[in-house]
Protein backbone atom coordinates (compact mmCIF):
# COMPACT_ATOMS: atom_id res chain seq x y z
CA MET A 1 -50.07 -24.32 6.82
CA ASP A 2 -53.27 -26.27 7.94
CA GLU A 3 -53.28 -23.74 10.95
CA THR A 4 -53.37 -20.77 8.60
CA LEU A 5 -55.92 -22.16 6.28
CA ASN A 6 -58.04 -22.95 9.33
CA LYS A 7 -57.77 -19.12 10.41
CA LEU A 8 -58.67 -18.18 6.98
CA GLU A 9 -61.91 -20.07 7.09
CA ILE A 10 -62.76 -18.84 10.53
CA ILE A 11 -62.34 -15.21 9.12
CA LYS A 12 -64.24 -15.63 5.94
CA LYS A 13 -67.05 -17.15 8.01
CA ALA A 14 -67.14 -14.71 10.59
CA ILE A 15 -67.20 -11.85 7.97
CA SER A 16 -70.13 -13.58 6.03
CA ASP A 17 -72.11 -14.22 9.19
CA LYS A 18 -72.33 -10.35 9.43
CA ILE A 19 -73.27 -9.93 5.82
CA GLY A 20 -69.65 -8.52 4.86
CA TYR A 21 -69.44 -8.84 1.26
CA ASP A 22 -67.11 -8.92 -1.78
CA ILE A 23 -64.53 -11.09 0.37
CA GLU A 24 -61.22 -11.36 -1.08
CA VAL A 25 -58.15 -13.38 -0.05
CA ILE A 26 -54.93 -12.34 -1.54
CA ASP A 27 -51.87 -14.41 -1.24
CA ILE A 28 -48.87 -12.38 -0.46
CA ARG A 29 -46.35 -15.05 0.21
CA GLY A 30 -43.05 -14.19 -1.30
CA LYS A 31 -44.12 -10.56 -1.91
CA ALA A 32 -44.09 -9.21 1.70
CA ASN A 33 -42.33 -10.53 4.82
CA PHE A 34 -45.00 -9.31 7.21
CA ALA A 35 -47.71 -11.71 6.25
CA ASP A 36 -48.98 -14.29 4.02
CA TYR A 37 -52.36 -13.23 3.28
CA PHE A 38 -54.55 -10.34 3.02
CA VAL A 39 -58.30 -11.06 3.86
CA ILE A 40 -60.15 -7.85 2.22
CA CYS A 41 -64.13 -7.33 2.65
CA SER A 42 -66.67 -4.47 2.39
CA ALA A 43 -69.20 -3.10 4.72
CA THR A 44 -72.28 -0.85 3.89
CA ASN A 45 -71.74 1.54 6.89
CA SER A 46 -69.84 2.03 10.10
CA SER A 47 -72.13 -0.15 12.12
CA GLN A 48 -71.62 -3.00 9.92
CA LEU A 49 -67.91 -2.27 9.91
CA SER A 50 -67.86 -2.74 13.65
CA ALA A 51 -69.98 -5.74 13.82
CA ILE A 52 -67.85 -7.70 11.25
CA CYS A 53 -64.74 -6.53 13.41
CA ASP A 54 -66.30 -7.79 16.49
CA ASN A 55 -67.35 -10.92 15.04
CA VAL A 56 -63.95 -11.76 13.56
CA GLU A 57 -62.53 -10.97 17.06
CA TYR A 58 -65.02 -13.07 18.83
CA GLU A 59 -64.81 -16.11 16.33
CA MET A 60 -61.05 -16.15 16.41
CA GLY A 61 -60.90 -15.66 20.19
CA LYS A 62 -63.16 -18.72 20.41
CA ALA A 63 -60.74 -20.82 18.43
CA GLY A 64 -57.66 -19.63 20.50
CA TYR A 65 -56.17 -16.99 18.37
CA GLU A 66 -55.94 -13.36 19.41
CA ALA A 67 -55.22 -10.47 17.15
CA ILE A 68 -51.80 -8.73 17.62
CA ASN A 69 -53.57 -5.39 17.43
CA PRO A 70 -56.99 -5.49 19.04
CA SER A 71 -59.40 -3.17 17.44
CA LYS A 72 -59.15 -0.47 20.12
CA ASN A 73 -58.61 2.45 17.57
CA ARG A 74 -61.38 1.94 15.25
CA SER A 75 -61.88 4.07 12.14
CA ASN A 76 -65.38 4.76 10.43
CA ASP A 77 -64.04 3.45 7.10
CA TRP A 78 -61.45 0.96 7.56
CA ILE A 79 -60.40 -1.44 10.35
CA LEU A 80 -57.31 -3.69 10.18
CA LEU A 81 -56.82 -6.82 12.33
CA ASP A 82 -53.51 -8.43 12.33
CA TYR A 83 -53.43 -12.29 12.94
CA ASP A 84 -49.74 -12.68 12.27
CA GLU A 85 -49.63 -14.45 9.00
CA ILE A 86 -53.13 -13.03 8.09
CA ILE A 87 -54.10 -9.37 7.90
CA VAL A 88 -57.66 -8.61 7.79
CA HIS A 89 -59.07 -5.33 6.14
CA ILE A 90 -62.54 -4.26 6.54
CA PHE A 91 -63.36 -1.33 4.41
CA ASP A 92 -66.60 0.67 3.81
CA ILE A 93 -67.35 1.04 0.14
CA LYS A 94 -65.66 4.55 -0.63
CA ALA A 95 -62.32 3.67 1.34
CA ARG A 96 -62.15 0.27 -0.41
CA LYS A 97 -62.25 2.05 -3.74
CA PHE A 98 -60.01 4.74 -2.90
CA TYR A 99 -57.08 2.73 -1.30
CA ASP A 100 -57.68 -0.24 -3.84
CA ILE A 101 -55.25 -2.61 -2.03
CA GLU A 102 -56.20 -5.49 -4.58
CA ARG A 103 -54.92 -3.58 -7.38
CA LEU A 104 -51.64 -2.42 -5.53
CA TRP A 105 -50.72 -6.07 -4.90
CA LYS A 106 -51.68 -7.26 -8.31
CA GLU A 107 -49.48 -4.72 -9.96
CA ARG A 108 -46.47 -6.07 -7.63
CA ASP A 109 -46.92 -9.16 -9.64
CA ILE A 110 -46.94 -7.48 -13.07
CA ASN A 111 -43.98 -5.32 -12.15
CA LYS A 112 -41.87 -8.14 -10.68
CA ASP A 113 -38.67 -8.73 -12.37
């Protein structure tokens, strides 16, 4: 778990260094079997979206962590990076509001039997 927390800190700092904002970490342990955490952040435009992605990949690579899905196929409004137990979602403002991942995962808690 300490390694996971280290990854989370590296990712959050890499996002902040490129002025990514509204960073949210969602603990999905016990709710999904494909990851433990989502890290979600916003960017103001596609250039910043790419810069955040590049910096996350760079900083994680320096620490010895490689993404399972290197960001070869980038979208202009949403980039996803998979670091095994952590999935990073980098959104532009409109896409983040549209997909509203935070609400979807919070509803899973409410609707849980």
